[in-house]
Every structure is written in structure tokens, then in C-alpha cells.
Amino acid sequence: MIEELLPDSVVAVEMLGDEAIHEAPLYPEEAAQIARAVPKRRREYAAVRACARRAMEKLGVPPQPVVRGERGAPRWPAGLIGSMTHCEGYCAAALVRATDLASLGIDAEPHAALPEGVAESVLLPAERQRLALLAAELPAVHWDRLLFSAKESVYKAWFPLTGQWLDFMEADIELVPEPGERPHGILRAHLLVPGPEVGGRRLEVFEGRWSVGHSMLTSAVVVPHP
């Protein structure tokens, strides 16, 4: 599901169902970070790192630990950039060589509405207006949760470039459906704060893709080199 949203240079590995929460082996430094977590959280942490190590192998990189750094962002081996996501019954990791992309972010969410009261704290008024129009066109899609996923992907692509927090209200995201058998399309995130500089050029817009299927909402953002 994630792979179809990403360029060919990116390697994505996914796990579904029971495999997504299996007790995969961890490196000692990873195990130390998750030692006090509940069993479910430890299994998710381990499974998504198993995805990451499979992706490393596909890129010809020896499997290595993926520990949490600042604000929980994963620390990737030198020369790689990537992103990970997990939710109920699903996890995925996407990796690419740093020479091929400047940054990327992926996210997966269950295809369900946001919990009551969350939309008001994460969606801009203009976003809510556009979602109302999309809901009239495709009422089977939980557009609020999809936009939340898109914001998560934007943040995951933003943070490695800036080392700074990006609030939900600091990016105005437009979802554009494309024709097809199931809902999918492109996303554009207009940054409402100064964007990062990549190759001497300041970015004002992040772009990516989204898809709905298998009871899941998935999104991905990629930041190319200029």
C-alpha cells in the first residue's frame, strides 16, 4: 500500500495482520529504549524495525539498529533516509539513499473517523471546508482521518530537514482525488511558516500521495533534491 505512493528509488517493506505485531529480535540499544513499554508497544516497535532492516537489505546495506533520536525521530544509517509507521494490524518502513531524495515521510491510519473533538485541534477552517466538499463527492472516505495522516507524513518529512516541531495548524493541506477503482490522489501541503532550505532553495510546498484500501488510509510525502 505504501510502496505505490512512493517513487521507484524508495524501498518499502510492509507487514499486515499478526505479522505486524510479532516479537521480532531487537538490538540491545533498541531493547533498552522500549524496556518499560507495555508488550503491545514493544511488539509494534520491534515489527516496524524488522521492516526497516528488510528494506536496508534490499538497498544492499547491512542491517543495523534504528534507535529513537530527538522527538522520537528514527536515526538511520549514514547515507540513508527513511520513515516508519504502524497502526492496528499494519506497519511499514520506507528507505532511500540520501543521494536520491532529500527527505520522506509515510503514515498509515485505520479507515475510521477521527475521535470526537480531535478535528478541531488539527484541521484548519479552510481544510474543513474542502473536506466537506470531498465528503459530498465521496462520502465513503473518512476524509478527516486521511488529512490527519497527511499531516503526519508532512511532519515526518519536515523534521529531518529542520530539527524543529511543525504544528498541525502550520501546514494547509489540499487532497486532490484522481480517477480510479478506489480512492487515491495527490496531496499538497502549503507551509504556513518558513520552510526548510534544500540545496539553497527554500521550500514552501511539500507534495505527496494518498490512498484508501484494505480498511487503511495511507499517505506519503517526498522531498526531492532541487
C-alpha atoms as a PDB file:
ATOM      1  CA  MET A   1       0.000   0.000   0.000  1.00  0.00           C
ATOM      2  CA  ILE A   2       2.765   2.453   0.897  1.00  0.00           C
ATOM      3  CA  GLU A   3       5.004   1.382  -1.991  1.00  0.00           C
ATOM      4  CA  GLU A   4       2.507   2.541  -4.622  1.00  0.00           C
ATOM      5  CA  LEU A   5       2.705   6.071  -3.226  1.00  0.00           C
ATOM      6  CA  LEU A   6       6.486   6.366  -3.498  1.00  0.00           C
ATOM      7  CA  PRO A   7       8.995   6.816  -6.353  1.00  0.00           C
ATOM      8  CA  ASP A   8      10.897   3.788  -7.642  1.00  0.00           C
ATOM      9  CA  SER A   9      14.080   4.841  -5.821  1.00  0.00           C
ATOM     10  CA  VAL A  10      12.390   4.161  -2.448  1.00  0.00           C
ATOM     11  CA  VAL A  11      12.284   0.657  -0.963  1.00  0.00           C
ATOM     12  CA  ALA A  12       9.194  -0.022   1.160  1.00  0.00           C
ATOM     13  CA  VAL A  13       8.523  -3.101   3.306  1.00  0.00           C
ATOM     14  CA  GLU A  14       5.144  -3.729   4.937  1.00  0.00           C
ATOM     15  CA  MET A  15       3.637  -6.224   7.392  1.00  0.00           C
ATOM     16  CA  LEU A  16      -0.059  -6.988   7.806  1.00  0.00           C
ATOM     17  CA  GLY A  17      -2.140  -8.725  10.450  1.00  0.00           C
ATOM     18  CA  ASP A  18      -0.403 -10.842  13.067  1.00  0.00           C
ATOM     19  CA  GLU A  19       2.968 -10.328  11.382  1.00  0.00           C
ATOM     20  CA  ALA A  20       2.699  -6.600  12.153  1.00  0.00           C
ATOM     21  CA  ILE A  21       2.837  -7.268  15.907  1.00  0.00           C
ATOM     22  CA  HIS A  22       5.202 -10.235  16.076  1.00  0.00           C
ATOM     23  CA  GLU A  23       8.064 -10.227  18.582  1.00  0.00           C
ATOM     24  CA  ALA A  24      10.963  -9.549  16.195  1.00  0.00           C
ATOM     25  CA  PRO A  25      14.516  -9.551  17.591  1.00  0.00           C
ATOM     26  CA  LEU A  26      15.982  -6.221  18.663  1.00  0.00           C
ATOM     27  CA  TYR A  27      19.491  -4.861  19.079  1.00  0.00           C
ATOM     28  CA  PRO A  28      20.458  -4.160  22.716  1.00  0.00           C
ATOM     29  CA  GLU A  29      20.269  -0.380  22.282  1.00  0.00           C
ATOM     30  CA  GLU A  30      16.776  -0.706  20.783  1.00  0.00           C
ATOM     31  CA  ALA A  31      15.603  -3.048  23.539  1.00  0.00           C
ATOM     32  CA  ALA A  32      16.840  -0.581  26.159  1.00  0.00           C
ATOM     33  CA  GLN A  33      14.668   2.180  24.690  1.00  0.00           C
ATOM     34  CA  ILE A  34      11.498   0.093  24.848  1.00  0.00           C
ATOM     35  CA  ALA A  35      12.163  -1.894  28.029  1.00  0.00           C
ATOM     36  CA  ARG A  36       9.474  -0.175  30.109  1.00  0.00           C
ATOM     37  CA  ALA A  37       6.770  -0.178  27.444  1.00  0.00           C
ATOM     38  CA  VAL A  38       3.717  -2.425  27.525  1.00  0.00           C
ATOM     39  CA  PRO A  39       4.004  -5.674  25.495  1.00  0.00           C
ATOM     40  CA  LYS A  40       1.848  -4.394  22.616  1.00  0.00           C
ATOM     41  CA  ARG A  41       4.045  -1.334  22.180  1.00  0.00           C
ATOM     42  CA  ARG A  42       7.211  -3.457  22.298  1.00  0.00           C
ATOM     43  CA  ARG A  43       5.852  -5.753  19.593  1.00  0.00           C
ATOM     44  CA  GLU A  44       4.949  -2.808  17.338  1.00  0.00           C
ATOM     45  CA  TYR A  45       8.364  -1.229  17.915  1.00  0.00           C
ATOM     46  CA  ALA A  46      10.099  -4.493  17.007  1.00  0.00           C
ATOM     47  CA  ALA A  47       7.948  -5.301  13.970  1.00  0.00           C
ATOM     48  CA  VAL A  48       8.399  -1.937  12.279  1.00  0.00           C
ATOM     49  CA  ARG A  49      12.170  -2.190  12.804  1.00  0.00           C
ATOM     50  CA  ALA A  50      12.099  -5.626  11.201  1.00  0.00           C
ATOM     51  CA  CYS A  51      10.546  -3.890   8.176  1.00  0.00           C
ATOM     52  CA  ALA A  52      13.324  -1.299   8.236  1.00  0.00           C
ATOM     53  CA  ARG A  53      16.043  -3.952   8.309  1.00  0.00           C
ATOM     54  CA  ARG A  54      14.491  -5.791   5.364  1.00  0.00           C
ATOM     55  CA  ALA A  55      14.495  -2.505   3.475  1.00  0.00           C
ATOM     56  CA  MET A  56      18.171  -1.985   4.340  1.00  0.00           C
ATOM     57  CA  GLU A  57      18.993  -5.409   2.925  1.00  0.00           C
ATOM     58  CA  LYS A  58      17.135  -4.587  -0.301  1.00  0.00           C
ATOM     59  CA  LEU A  59      19.291  -1.472  -0.618  1.00  0.00           C
ATOM     60  CA  GLY A  60      22.443  -3.516  -0.030  1.00  0.00           C
ATOM     61  CA  VAL A  61      23.035  -2.049   3.429  1.00  0.00           C
ATOM     62  CA  PRO A  62      23.865  -4.401   6.351  1.00  0.00           C
ATOM     63  CA  PRO A  63      21.005  -4.458   8.917  1.00  0.00           C
ATOM     64  CA  GLN A  64      21.641  -2.036  11.763  1.00  0.00           C
ATOM     65  CA  PRO A  65      19.873  -0.674  14.855  1.00  0.00           C
ATOM     66  CA  VAL A  66      17.255   2.040  14.399  1.00  0.00           C
ATOM     67  CA  VAL A  67      17.078   3.929  17.687  1.00  0.00           C
ATOM     68  CA  ARG A  68      14.898   6.896  18.505  1.00  0.00           C
ATOM     69  CA  GLY A  69      16.585  10.264  18.394  1.00  0.00           C
ATOM     70  CA  GLU A  70      15.296  13.756  19.103  1.00  0.00           C
ATOM     71  CA  ARG A  71      11.477  13.916  19.399  1.00  0.00           C
ATOM     72  CA  GLY A  72      11.366  10.191  18.664  1.00  0.00           C
ATOM     73  CA  ALA A  73      12.601  10.504  15.093  1.00  0.00           C
ATOM     74  CA  PRO A  74      14.477   7.387  13.925  1.00  0.00           C
ATOM     75  CA  ARG A  75      18.235   7.594  13.427  1.00  0.00           C
ATOM     76  CA  TRP A  76      19.120   5.980  10.117  1.00  0.00           C
ATOM     77  CA  PRO A  77      22.464   4.547   8.990  1.00  0.00           C
ATOM     78  CA  ALA A  78      24.764   7.009   7.241  1.00  0.00           C
ATOM     79  CA  GLY A  79      23.742   7.569   3.645  1.00  0.00           C
ATOM     80  CA  LEU A  80      20.088   6.588   4.153  1.00  0.00           C
ATOM     81  CA  ILE A  81      16.911   8.489   4.907  1.00  0.00           C
ATOM     82  CA  GLY A  82      13.607   6.902   5.773  1.00  0.00           C
ATOM     83  CA  SER A  83      10.332   6.848   7.617  1.00  0.00           C
ATOM     84  CA  MET A  84       8.293   4.302   9.569  1.00  0.00           C
ATOM     85  CA  THR A  85       4.648   3.934  10.535  1.00  0.00           C
ATOM     86  CA  HIS A  86       2.464   1.482  12.419  1.00  0.00           C
ATOM     87  CA  CYS A  87      -1.155   1.200  13.458  1.00  0.00           C
ATOM     88  CA  GLU A  88      -3.511  -1.635  14.375  1.00  0.00           C
ATOM     89  CA  GLY A  89      -2.638  -4.631  12.184  1.00  0.00           C
ATOM     90  CA  TYR A  90      -0.158  -2.824   9.937  1.00  0.00           C
ATOM     91  CA  CYS A  91       3.382  -1.494   9.920  1.00  0.00           C
ATOM     92  CA  ALA A  92       5.766  -0.276   7.230  1.00  0.00           C
ATOM     93  CA  ALA A  93       9.180   1.249   6.668  1.00  0.00           C
ATOM     94  CA  ALA A  94      10.407   3.161   3.624  1.00  0.00           C
ATOM     95  CA  LEU A  95      14.095   3.812   2.946  1.00  0.00           C
ATOM     96  CA  VAL A  96      16.011   5.538   0.195  1.00  0.00           C
ATOM     97  CA  ARG A  97      19.585   6.607  -0.403  1.00  0.00           C
ATOM     98  CA  ALA A  98      20.202  10.210   0.652  1.00  0.00           C
ATOM     99  CA  THR A  99      21.551  10.940  -2.818  1.00  0.00           C
ATOM    100  CA  ASP A 100      18.125  10.162  -4.334  1.00  0.00           C
ATOM    101  CA  LEU A 101      15.833  12.194  -2.056  1.00  0.00           C
ATOM    102  CA  ALA A 102      16.224  14.981   0.478  1.00  0.00           C
ATOM    103  CA  SER A 103      13.544  13.627   2.831  1.00  0.00           C
ATOM    104  CA  LEU A 104      10.411  11.495   3.022  1.00  0.00           C
ATOM    105  CA  GLY A 105       7.563  10.705   5.384  1.00  0.00           C
ATOM    106  CA  ILE A 106       4.948   7.943   5.469  1.00  0.00           C
ATOM    107  CA  ASP A 107       1.884   7.329   7.609  1.00  0.00           C
ATOM    108  CA  ALA A 108      -0.911   4.755   7.898  1.00  0.00           C
ATOM    109  CA  GLU A 109      -4.168   5.067   9.821  1.00  0.00           C
ATOM    110  CA  PRO A 110      -7.236   2.874  10.237  1.00  0.00           C
ATOM    111  CA  HIS A 111     -10.054   3.868   7.877  1.00  0.00           C
ATOM    112  CA  ALA A 112     -12.241   5.375  10.569  1.00  0.00           C
ATOM    113  CA  ALA A 113     -13.293   8.837  11.650  1.00  0.00           C
ATOM    114  CA  LEU A 114     -11.089  10.839  13.987  1.00  0.00           C
ATOM    115  CA  PRO A 115     -12.080  10.622  17.650  1.00  0.00           C
ATOM    116  CA  GLU A 116     -14.611  13.240  18.680  1.00  0.00           C
ATOM    117  CA  GLY A 117     -13.077  16.654  19.254  1.00  0.00           C
ATOM    118  CA  VAL A 118      -9.763  15.936  17.516  1.00  0.00           C
ATOM    119  CA  ALA A 119     -10.597  17.545  14.165  1.00  0.00           C
ATOM    120  CA  GLU A 120     -10.990  20.977  15.741  1.00  0.00           C
ATOM    121  CA  SER A 121      -7.439  20.845  17.101  1.00  0.00           C
ATOM    122  CA  VAL A 122      -5.676  19.510  13.995  1.00  0.00           C
ATOM    123  CA  LEU A 123      -7.602  20.868  10.981  1.00  0.00           C
ATOM    124  CA  LEU A 124      -7.640  24.446   9.731  1.00  0.00           C
ATOM    125  CA  PRO A 125     -11.021  26.043   8.905  1.00  0.00           C
ATOM    126  CA  ALA A 126     -10.133  26.096   5.191  1.00  0.00           C
ATOM    127  CA  GLU A 127      -9.228  22.399   5.332  1.00  0.00           C
ATOM    128  CA  ARG A 128     -12.551  21.539   6.971  1.00  0.00           C
ATOM    129  CA  GLN A 129     -14.396  23.427   4.223  1.00  0.00           C
ATOM    130  CA  ARG A 130     -12.577  21.500   1.488  1.00  0.00           C
ATOM    131  CA  LEU A 131     -13.198  18.205   3.284  1.00  0.00           C
ATOM    132  CA  ALA A 132     -16.936  18.940   3.330  1.00  0.00           C
ATOM    133  CA  LEU A 133     -16.872  19.204  -0.459  1.00  0.00           C
ATOM    134  CA  LEU A 134     -14.889  15.970  -0.772  1.00  0.00           C
ATOM    135  CA  ALA A 135     -17.297  14.202   1.572  1.00  0.00           C
ATOM    136  CA  ALA A 136     -20.212  15.207  -0.652  1.00  0.00           C
ATOM    137  CA  GLU A 137     -18.375  13.703  -3.633  1.00  0.00           C
ATOM    138  CA  LEU A 138     -17.003  10.556  -1.942  1.00  0.00           C
ATOM    139  CA  PRO A 139     -18.915  10.030   1.321  1.00  0.00           C
ATOM    140  CA  ALA A 140     -17.419   6.580   1.988  1.00  0.00           C
ATOM    141  CA  VAL A 141     -13.982   8.071   2.736  1.00  0.00           C
ATOM    142  CA  HIS A 142     -13.145   9.294   6.250  1.00  0.00           C
ATOM    143  CA  TRP A 143     -11.536  12.470   4.974  1.00  0.00           C
ATOM    144  CA  ASP A 144     -10.744  13.889   8.407  1.00  0.00           C
ATOM    145  CA  ARG A 145      -8.582  10.886   9.311  1.00  0.00           C
ATOM    146  CA  LEU A 146      -6.956  10.950   5.865  1.00  0.00           C
ATOM    147  CA  LEU A 147      -5.977  14.592   6.288  1.00  0.00           C
ATOM    148  CA  PHE A 148      -4.604  13.784   9.739  1.00  0.00           C
ATOM    149  CA  SER A 149      -2.463  11.062   8.111  1.00  0.00           C
ATOM    150  CA  ALA A 150      -1.231  13.538   5.507  1.00  0.00           C
ATOM    151  CA  LYS A 151      -0.194  15.951   8.265  1.00  0.00           C
ATOM    152  CA  GLU A 152       1.728  13.165   9.984  1.00  0.00           C
ATOM    153  CA  SER A 153       3.584  12.399   6.729  1.00  0.00           C
ATOM    154  CA  VAL A 154       4.368  16.081   6.229  1.00  0.00           C
ATOM    155  CA  TYR A 155       5.818  16.340   9.735  1.00  0.00           C
ATOM    156  CA  LYS A 156       7.944  13.215   9.270  1.00  0.00           C
ATOM    157  CA  ALA A 157       9.417  14.726   6.084  1.00  0.00           C
ATOM    158  CA  TRP A 158       9.816  18.160   7.693  1.00  0.00           C
ATOM    159  CA  PHE A 159      11.615  17.250  10.908  1.00  0.00           C
ATOM    160  CA  PRO A 160      14.816  15.713   9.444  1.00  0.00           C
ATOM    161  CA  LEU A 161      15.285  18.886   7.365  1.00  0.00           C
ATOM    162  CA  THR A 162      14.714  21.353  10.208  1.00  0.00           C
ATOM    163  CA  GLY A 163      15.076  19.629  13.576  1.00  0.00           C
ATOM    164  CA  GLN A 164      12.039  21.674  14.627  1.00  0.00           C
ATOM    165  CA  TRP A 165       8.447  20.955  15.598  1.00  0.00           C
ATOM    166  CA  LEU A 166       5.727  21.635  12.996  1.00  0.00           C
ATOM    167  CA  ASP A 167       2.298  22.203  14.481  1.00  0.00           C
ATOM    168  CA  PHE A 168      -0.784  20.686  12.843  1.00  0.00           C
ATOM    169  CA  MET A 169      -2.012  24.219  12.145  1.00  0.00           C
ATOM    170  CA  GLU A 170       1.216  25.257  10.384  1.00  0.00           C
ATOM    171  CA  ALA A 171       0.542  23.382   7.147  1.00  0.00           C
ATOM    172  CA  ASP A 172      -2.552  23.824   4.970  1.00  0.00           C
ATOM    173  CA  ILE A 173      -3.100  20.549   3.113  1.00  0.00           C
ATOM    174  CA  GLU A 174      -5.143  20.012  -0.021  1.00  0.00           C
ATOM    175  CA  LEU A 175      -6.231  16.483  -1.015  1.00  0.00           C
ATOM    176  CA  VAL A 176      -6.924  16.012  -4.723  1.00  0.00           C
ATOM    177  CA  PRO A 177      -8.656  12.767  -5.818  1.00  0.00           C
ATOM    178  CA  GLU A 178      -7.677  11.082  -9.065  1.00  0.00           C
ATOM    179  CA  PRO A 179      -9.845   8.729 -11.178  1.00  0.00           C
ATOM    180  CA  GLY A 180      -9.618   5.020 -10.338  1.00  0.00           C
ATOM    181  CA  GLU A 181     -11.326   1.984  -8.899  1.00  0.00           C
ATOM    182  CA  ARG A 182     -10.569   3.026  -5.325  1.00  0.00           C
ATOM    183  CA  PRO A 183      -9.940   6.436  -3.777  1.00  0.00           C
ATOM    184  CA  HIS A 184      -6.430   7.777  -4.263  1.00  0.00           C
ATOM    185  CA  GLY A 185      -4.763  11.004  -5.301  1.00  0.00           C
ATOM    186  CA  ILE A 186      -2.183  13.655  -4.580  1.00  0.00           C
ATOM    187  CA  LEU A 187      -1.615  15.930  -1.583  1.00  0.00           C
ATOM    188  CA  ARG A 188      -0.138  19.405  -1.408  1.00  0.00           C
ATOM    189  CA  ALA A 189       0.962  20.888   1.887  1.00  0.00           C
ATOM    190  CA  HIS A 190       1.356  24.668   1.828  1.00  0.00           C
ATOM    191  CA  LEU A 191       3.660  25.573   4.705  1.00  0.00           C
ATOM    192  CA  LEU A 192       2.396  28.487   6.794  1.00  0.00           C
ATOM    193  CA  VAL A 193       5.798  29.011   8.427  1.00  0.00           C
ATOM    194  CA  PRO A 194       9.182  29.481   6.737  1.00  0.00           C
ATOM    195  CA  GLY A 195      10.080  26.209   5.040  1.00  0.00           C
ATOM    196  CA  PRO A 196      13.434  24.418   5.114  1.00  0.00           C
ATOM    197  CA  GLU A 197      16.208  25.195   2.668  1.00  0.00           C
ATOM    198  CA  VAL A 198      17.108  22.296   0.388  1.00  0.00           C
ATOM    199  CA  GLY A 199      20.008  22.803  -1.976  1.00  0.00           C
ATOM    200  CA  GLY A 200      19.877  26.567  -1.481  1.00  0.00           C
ATOM    201  CA  ARG A 201      16.147  26.755  -2.256  1.00  0.00           C
ATOM    202  CA  ARG A 202      13.534  27.455   0.423  1.00  0.00           C
ATOM    203  CA  LEU A 203      10.585  25.106   0.171  1.00  0.00           C
ATOM    204  CA  GLU A 204       7.066  26.468   0.557  1.00  0.00           C
ATOM    205  CA  VAL A 205       5.128  23.357  -0.516  1.00  0.00           C
ATOM    206  CA  PHE A 206       5.524  19.649   0.254  1.00  0.00           C
ATOM    207  CA  GLU A 207       3.907  17.188  -2.119  1.00  0.00           C
ATOM    208  CA  GLY A 208       2.929  13.558  -1.910  1.00  0.00           C
ATOM    209  CA  ARG A 209       0.241  10.964  -2.495  1.00  0.00           C
ATOM    210  CA  TRP A 210      -2.546   9.214  -0.575  1.00  0.00           C
ATOM    211  CA  SER A 211      -4.633   6.093  -0.966  1.00  0.00           C
ATOM    212  CA  VAL A 212      -7.566   4.277   0.638  1.00  0.00           C
ATOM    213  CA  GLY A 213      -7.828   0.496   0.667  1.00  0.00           C
ATOM    214  CA  HIS A 214      -7.781  -2.663   2.788  1.00  0.00           C
ATOM    215  CA  SER A 215      -9.521  -0.740   5.607  1.00  0.00           C
ATOM    216  CA  MET A 216      -6.499   1.569   5.734  1.00  0.00           C
ATOM    217  CA  LEU A 217      -5.635   5.178   4.912  1.00  0.00           C
ATOM    218  CA  THR A 218      -2.063   5.699   3.736  1.00  0.00           C
ATOM    219  CA  SER A 219      -0.104   8.804   2.808  1.00  0.00           C
ATOM    220  CA  ALA A 220       3.429   9.616   1.762  1.00  0.00           C
ATOM    221  CA  VAL A 221       5.415  12.820   1.214  1.00  0.00           C
ATOM    222  CA  VAL A 222       8.689  13.024  -0.656  1.00  0.00           C
ATOM    223  CA  VAL A 223      11.099  15.969  -0.835  1.00  0.00           C
ATOM    224  CA  PRO A 224      13.330  15.735  -3.914  1.00  0.00           C
ATOM    225  CA  HIS A 225      16.688  17.374  -4.307  1.00  0.00           C
ATOM    226  CA  PRO A 226      16.494  20.569  -6.416  1.00  0.00           C
END
